[in-house]
Amino acid sequence: MISRWDEWFSESNLARDTRILAAPPSKCAETAALEFLARGKRVILDLACGIGRDTFLLNLSGLTFYF
């Protein structure tokens, strides 16, 4: 099953609208990714993720998401 997030960040959608990744991830997301991984956490529930700028960073860090 493809989620809405997968569709939003698909190669074709990113090619159509480069603004999607224009907003850099927050420092909070960078810190959270390091903390989650250091504690052995690999699955995150993401509520109200906005445009996904922080979610994208966390996913690249190797975390799995439920929306």
PDB file of N, CA and C in Angstrom:
ATOM      1  N   MET A   1       0.843  -1.180   0.000  1.00  0.00           N
ATOM      2  CA  MET A   1       0.000   0.000   0.000  1.00  0.00           C
ATOM      3  C   MET A   1       0.890   1.245   0.000  1.00  0.00           C
ATOM      4  N   ILE A   2       0.604   2.176  -0.883  1.00  0.00           N
ATOM      5  CA  ILE A   2       1.349   3.429  -0.953  1.00  0.00           C
ATOM      6  C   ILE A   2       0.620   4.476  -0.117  1.00  0.00           C
ATOM      7  N   SER A   3       1.360   5.095   0.789  1.00  0.00           N
ATOM      8  CA  SER A   3       0.749   6.115   1.645  1.00  0.00           C
ATOM      9  C   SER A   3       0.752   7.469   0.948  1.00  0.00           C
ATOM     10  N   ARG A   4       0.015   8.382   1.506  1.00  0.00           N
ATOM     11  CA  ARG A   4      -0.010   9.744   0.980  1.00  0.00           C
ATOM     12  C   ARG A   4       1.392  10.348   1.015  1.00  0.00           C
ATOM     13  N   TRP A   5       2.164  10.043   2.059  1.00  0.00           N
ATOM     14  CA  TRP A   5       3.529  10.542   2.180  1.00  0.00           C
ATOM     15  C   TRP A   5       4.392  10.011   1.044  1.00  0.00           C
ATOM     16  N   ASP A   6       4.245   8.731   0.731  1.00  0.00           N
ATOM     17  CA  ASP A   6       5.003   8.142  -0.379  1.00  0.00           C
ATOM     18  C   ASP A   6       4.674   8.841  -1.697  1.00  0.00           C
ATOM     19  N   GLU A   7       3.418   9.152  -1.899  1.00  0.00           N
ATOM     20  CA  GLU A   7       3.019   9.863  -3.115  1.00  0.00           C
ATOM     21  C   GLU A   7       3.608  11.276  -3.130  1.00  0.00           C
ATOM     22  N   TRP A   8       3.542  11.971  -1.998  1.00  0.00           N
ATOM     23  CA  TRP A   8       4.032  13.348  -1.912  1.00  0.00           C
ATOM     24  C   TRP A   8       5.526  13.422  -2.226  1.00  0.00           C
ATOM     25  N   PHE A   9       6.313  12.468  -1.700  1.00  0.00           N
ATOM     26  CA  PHE A   9       7.750  12.470  -1.899  1.00  0.00           C
ATOM     27  C   PHE A   9       8.214  11.539  -3.018  1.00  0.00           C
ATOM     28  N   SER A  10       7.311  11.178  -3.907  1.00  0.00           N
ATOM     29  CA  SER A  10       7.696  10.339  -5.040  1.00  0.00           C
ATOM     30  C   SER A  10       8.605  11.143  -5.976  1.00  0.00           C
ATOM     31  N   GLU A  11       9.434  10.431  -6.728  1.00  0.00           N
ATOM     32  CA  GLU A  11      10.353  11.082  -7.668  1.00  0.00           C
ATOM     33  C   GLU A  11       9.599  12.008  -8.622  1.00  0.00           C
ATOM     34  N   SER A  12       8.460  11.557  -9.120  1.00  0.00           N
ATOM     35  CA  SER A  12       7.722  12.365 -10.098  1.00  0.00           C
ATOM     36  C   SER A  12       7.151  13.630  -9.458  1.00  0.00           C
ATOM     37  N   ASN A  13       6.675  13.536  -8.233  1.00  0.00           N
ATOM     38  CA  ASN A  13       6.125  14.717  -7.572  1.00  0.00           C
ATOM     39  C   ASN A  13       7.240  15.697  -7.194  1.00  0.00           C
ATOM     40  N   LEU A  14       8.374  15.189  -6.737  1.00  0.00           N
ATOM     41  CA  LEU A  14       9.500  16.061  -6.406  1.00  0.00           C
ATOM     42  C   LEU A  14      10.009  16.784  -7.651  1.00  0.00           C
ATOM     43  N   ALA A  15       9.992  16.110  -8.788  1.00  0.00           N
ATOM     44  CA  ALA A  15      10.440  16.726 -10.038  1.00  0.00           C
ATOM     45  C   ALA A  15       9.492  17.846 -10.471  1.00  0.00           C
ATOM     46  N   ARG A  16       8.207  17.683 -10.180  1.00  0.00           N
ATOM     47  CA  ARG A  16       7.211  18.698 -10.558  1.00  0.00           C
ATOM     48  C   ARG A  16       7.274  19.928  -9.659  1.00  0.00           C
ATOM     49  N   ASP A  17       7.605  19.736  -8.377  1.00  0.00           N
ATOM     50  CA  ASP A  17       7.547  20.854  -7.432  1.00  0.00           C
ATOM     51  C   ASP A  17       8.752  20.811  -6.495  1.00  0.00           C
ATOM     52  N   THR A  18       9.789  21.530  -6.834  1.00  0.00           N
ATOM     53  CA  THR A  18      11.019  21.518  -6.038  1.00  0.00           C
ATOM     54  C   THR A  18      10.864  22.227  -4.698  1.00  0.00           C
ATOM     55  N   ARG A  19       9.778  22.961  -4.507  1.00  0.00           N
ATOM     56  CA  ARG A  19       9.549  23.635  -3.225  1.00  0.00           C
ATOM     57  C   ARG A  19       9.332  22.648  -2.087  1.00  0.00           C
ATOM     58  N   ILE A  20       8.978  21.419  -2.427  1.00  0.00           N
ATOM     59  CA  ILE A  20       8.685  20.421  -1.395  1.00  0.00           C
ATOM     60  C   ILE A  20       9.864  20.242  -0.447  1.00  0.00           C
ATOM     61  N   LEU A  21      11.054  20.206  -0.978  1.00  0.00           N
ATOM     62  CA  LEU A  21      12.240  20.004  -0.141  1.00  0.00           C
ATOM     63  C   LEU A  21      12.999  21.300   0.141  1.00  0.00           C
ATOM     64  N   ALA A  22      12.397  22.442  -0.206  1.00  0.00           N
ATOM     65  CA  ALA A  22      13.087  23.718  -0.023  1.00  0.00           C
ATOM     66  C   ALA A  22      13.246  24.093   1.443  1.00  0.00           C
ATOM     67  N   ALA A  23      12.299  23.724   2.284  1.00  0.00           N
ATOM     68  CA  ALA A  23      12.381  24.050   3.709  1.00  0.00           C
ATOM     69  C   ALA A  23      13.304  23.039   4.386  1.00  0.00           C
ATOM     70  N   PRO A  24      14.368  23.512   5.000  1.00  0.00           N
ATOM     71  CA  PRO A  24      15.294  22.581   5.649  1.00  0.00           C
ATOM     72  C   PRO A  24      14.662  21.951   6.887  1.00  0.00           C
ATOM     73  N   PRO A  25      15.095  20.757   7.258  1.00  0.00           N
ATOM     74  CA  PRO A  25      14.568  20.138   8.474  1.00  0.00           C
ATOM     75  C   PRO A  25      14.979  20.954   9.698  1.00  0.00           C
ATOM     76  N   SER A  26      14.195  20.843  10.740  1.00  0.00           N
ATOM     77  CA  SER A  26      14.483  21.595  11.963  1.00  0.00           C
ATOM     78  C   SER A  26      15.634  20.963  12.742  1.00  0.00           C
ATOM     79  N   LYS A  27      16.273  21.756  13.548  1.00  0.00           N
ATOM     80  CA  LYS A  27      17.331  21.263  14.431  1.00  0.00           C
ATOM     81  C   LYS A  27      16.744  20.236  15.398  1.00  0.00           C
ATOM     82  N   CYS A  28      15.515  20.440  15.800  1.00  0.00           N
ATOM     83  CA  CYS A  28      14.831  19.502  16.695  1.00  0.00           C
ATOM     84  C   CYS A  28      14.744  18.111  16.059  1.00  0.00           C
ATOM     85  N   ALA A  29      14.418  18.052  14.766  1.00  0.00           N
ATOM     86  CA  ALA A  29      14.326  16.764  14.074  1.00  0.00           C
ATOM     87  C   ALA A  29      15.684  16.089  13.990  1.00  0.00           C
ATOM     88  N   GLU A  30      16.717  16.866  13.749  1.00  0.00           N
ATOM     89  CA  GLU A  30      18.071  16.299  13.693  1.00  0.00           C
ATOM     90  C   GLU A  30      18.454  15.698  15.048  1.00  0.00           C
ATOM     91  N   THR A  31      18.167  16.429  16.113  1.00  0.00           N
ATOM     92  CA  THR A  31      18.464  15.947  17.464  1.00  0.00           C
ATOM     93  C   THR A  31      17.620  14.718  17.794  1.00  0.00           C
ATOM     94  N   ALA A  32      16.342  14.759  17.429  1.00  0.00           N
ATOM     95  CA  ALA A  32      15.448  13.635  17.702  1.00  0.00           C
ATOM     96  C   ALA A  32      15.913  12.366  17.002  1.00  0.00           C
ATOM     97  N   ALA A  33      16.336  12.486  15.742  1.00  0.00           N
ATOM     98  CA  ALA A  33      16.815  11.315  15.002  1.00  0.00           C
ATOM     99  C   ALA A  33      17.990  10.668  15.722  1.00  0.00           C
ATOM    100  N   LEU A  34      18.938  11.467  16.136  1.00  0.00           N
ATOM    101  CA  LEU A  34      20.107  10.931  16.854  1.00  0.00           C
ATOM    102  C   LEU A  34      19.691  10.273  18.168  1.00  0.00           C
ATOM    103  N   GLU A  35      18.779  10.907  18.881  1.00  0.00           N
ATOM    104  CA  GLU A  35      18.329  10.371  20.175  1.00  0.00           C
ATOM    105  C   GLU A  35      17.553   9.071  20.005  1.00  0.00           C
ATOM    106  N   PHE A  36      16.627   9.039  19.047  1.00  0.00           N
ATOM    107  CA  PHE A  36      15.852   7.813  18.802  1.00  0.00           C
ATOM    108  C   PHE A  36      16.772   6.647  18.456  1.00  0.00           C
ATOM    109  N   LEU A  37      17.705   6.886  17.558  1.00  0.00           N
ATOM    110  CA  LEU A  37      18.613   5.823  17.130  1.00  0.00           C
ATOM    111  C   LEU A  37      19.529   5.387  18.271  1.00  0.00           C
ATOM    112  N   ALA A  38      20.008   6.327  19.071  1.00  0.00           N
ATOM    113  CA  ALA A  38      20.876   5.999  20.210  1.00  0.00           C
ATOM    114  C   ALA A  38      20.144   5.136  21.233  1.00  0.00           C
ATOM    115  N   ARG A  39      18.834   5.315  21.344  1.00  0.00           N
ATOM    116  CA  ARG A  39      18.024   4.538  22.296  1.00  0.00           C
ATOM    117  C   ARG A  39      17.459   3.261  21.677  1.00  0.00           C
ATOM    118  N   GLY A  40      17.835   2.982  20.432  1.00  0.00           N
ATOM    119  CA  GLY A  40      17.382   1.760  19.778  1.00  0.00           C
ATOM    120  C   GLY A  40      15.966   1.829  19.242  1.00  0.00           C
ATOM    121  N   LYS A  41      15.413   3.013  19.135  1.00  0.00           N
ATOM    122  CA  LYS A  41      14.052   3.179  18.611  1.00  0.00           C
ATOM    123  C   LYS A  41      14.118   3.244  17.096  1.00  0.00           C
ATOM    124  N   ARG A  42      13.271   2.493  16.434  1.00  0.00           N
ATOM    125  CA  ARG A  42      13.296   2.450  14.978  1.00  0.00           C
ATOM    126  C   ARG A  42      11.949   2.763  14.330  1.00  0.00           C
ATOM    127  N   VAL A  43      10.880   2.807  15.132  1.00  0.00           N
ATOM    128  CA  VAL A  43       9.544   3.056  14.601  1.00  0.00           C
ATOM    129  C   VAL A  43       8.963   4.284  15.292  1.00  0.00           C
ATOM    130  N   ILE A  44       8.382   5.186  14.485  1.00  0.00           N
ATOM    131  CA  ILE A  44       7.841   6.439  15.011  1.00  0.00           C
ATOM    132  C   ILE A  44       6.412   6.619  14.519  1.00  0.00           C
ATOM    133  N   LEU A  45       5.570   7.138  15.393  1.00  0.00           N
ATOM    134  CA  LEU A  45       4.229   7.561  15.010  1.00  0.00           C
ATOM    135  C   LEU A  45       4.309   9.059  14.780  1.00  0.00           C
ATOM    136  N   ASP A  46       3.985   9.507  13.585  1.00  0.00           N
ATOM    137  CA  ASP A  46       4.081  10.920  13.235  1.00  0.00           C
ATOM    138  C   ASP A  46       2.690  11.497  13.074  1.00  0.00           C
ATOM    139  N   LEU A  47       2.352  12.443  13.925  1.00  0.00           N
ATOM    140  CA  LEU A  47       1.054  13.117  13.858  1.00  0.00           C
ATOM    141  C   LEU A  47       1.283  14.580  13.491  1.00  0.00           C
ATOM    142  N   ALA A  48       0.468  15.088  12.611  1.00  0.00           N
ATOM    143  CA  ALA A  48       0.544  16.491  12.193  1.00  0.00           C
ATOM    144  C   ALA A  48       1.929  16.827  11.657  1.00  0.00           C
ATOM    145  N   CYS A  49       2.383  16.058  10.670  1.00  0.00           N
ATOM    146  CA  CYS A  49       3.747  16.212  10.150  1.00  0.00           C
ATOM    147  C   CYS A  49       3.909  17.361   9.166  1.00  0.00           C
ATOM    148  N   GLY A  50       2.854  18.132   8.941  1.00  0.00           N
ATOM    149  CA  GLY A  50       2.972  19.281   8.040  1.00  0.00           C
ATOM    150  C   GLY A  50       3.348  18.846   6.639  1.00  0.00           C
ATOM    151  N   ILE A  51       4.295  19.561   6.024  1.00  0.00           N
ATOM    152  CA  ILE A  51       4.711  19.208   4.664  1.00  0.00           C
ATOM    153  C   ILE A  51       5.686  18.047   4.652  1.00  0.00           C
ATOM    154  N   GLY A  52       6.133  17.635   5.815  1.00  0.00           N
ATOM    155  CA  GLY A  52       6.999  16.464   5.906  1.00  0.00           C
ATOM    156  C   GLY A  52       8.480  16.753   5.931  1.00  0.00           C
ATOM    157  N   ARG A  53       8.889  18.006   6.100  1.00  0.00           N
ATOM    158  CA  ARG A  53      10.322  18.325   6.058  1.00  0.00           C
ATOM    159  C   ARG A  53      11.101  17.583   7.137  1.00  0.00           C
ATOM    160  N   ASP A  54      10.546  17.476   8.341  1.00  0.00           N
ATOM    161  CA  ASP A  54      11.227  16.740   9.401  1.00  0.00           C
ATOM    162  C   ASP A  54      11.058  15.234   9.225  1.00  0.00           C
ATOM    163  N   THR A  55       9.894  14.823   8.767  1.00  0.00           N
ATOM    164  CA  THR A  55       9.631  13.409   8.524  1.00  0.00           C
ATOM    165  C   THR A  55      10.605  12.858   7.488  1.00  0.00           C
ATOM    166  N   PHE A  56      10.864  13.631   6.461  1.00  0.00           N
ATOM    167  CA  PHE A  56      11.781  13.211   5.406  1.00  0.00           C
ATOM    168  C   PHE A  56      13.176  12.971   5.991  1.00  0.00           C
ATOM    169  N   LEU A  57      13.645  13.877   6.831  1.00  0.00           N
ATOM    170  CA  LEU A  57      14.956  13.718   7.468  1.00  0.00           C
ATOM    171  C   LEU A  57      14.985  12.475   8.359  1.00  0.00           C
ATOM    172  N   LEU A  58      13.954  12.293   9.163  1.00  0.00           N
ATOM    173  CA  LEU A  58      13.906  11.140  10.065  1.00  0.00           C
ATOM    174  C   LEU A  58      13.884   9.835   9.282  1.00  0.00           C
ATOM    175  N   ASN A  59      13.158   9.823   8.168  1.00  0.00           N
ATOM    176  CA  ASN A  59      13.118   8.628   7.331  1.00  0.00           C
ATOM    177  C   ASN A  59      14.484   8.334   6.728  1.00  0.00           C
ATOM    178  N   LEU A  60      15.186   9.354   6.282  1.00  0.00           N
ATOM    179  CA  LEU A  60      16.530   9.161   5.736  1.00  0.00           C
ATOM    180  C   LEU A  60      17.498   8.653   6.801  1.00  0.00           C
ATOM    181  N   SER A  61      17.181   8.910   8.062  1.00  0.00           N
ATOM    182  CA  SER A  61      18.025   8.450   9.167  1.00  0.00           C
ATOM    183  C   SER A  61      17.828   6.966   9.457  1.00  0.00           C
ATOM    184  N   GLY A  62      16.847   6.350   8.799  1.00  0.00           N
ATOM    185  CA  GLY A  62      16.618   4.924   8.975  1.00  0.00           C
ATOM    186  C   GLY A  62      15.452   4.574   9.872  1.00  0.00           C
ATOM    187  N   LEU A  63      14.616   5.563  10.201  1.00  0.00           N
ATOM    188  CA  LEU A  63      13.456   5.313  11.049  1.00  0.00           C
ATOM    189  C   LEU A  63      12.241   4.967  10.186  1.00  0.00           C
ATOM    190  N   THR A  64      11.357   4.139  10.728  1.00  0.00           N
ATOM    191  CA  THR A  64      10.138   3.731  10.045  1.00  0.00           C
ATOM    192  C   THR A  64       8.972   4.474  10.655  1.00  0.00           C
ATOM    193  N   PHE A  65       7.968   4.824   9.839  1.00  0.00           N
ATOM    194  CA  PHE A  65       6.883   5.670  10.300  1.00  0.00           C
ATOM    195  C   PHE A  65       5.512   5.035  10.174  1.00  0.00           C
ATOM    196  N   TYR A  66       4.640   5.450  11.101  1.00  0.00           N
ATOM    197  CA  TYR A  66       3.207   5.221  11.006  1.00  0.00           C
ATOM    198  C   TYR A  66       2.584   6.608  11.044  1.00  0.00           C
ATOM    199  N   PHE A  67       1.629   6.845  10.147  1.00  0.00           N
ATOM    200  CA  PHE A  67       0.993   8.153  10.074  1.00  0.00           C
ATOM    201  C   PHE A  67      -0.432   8.055  10.541  1.00  0.00           C
TER     202      PHE A  67
END
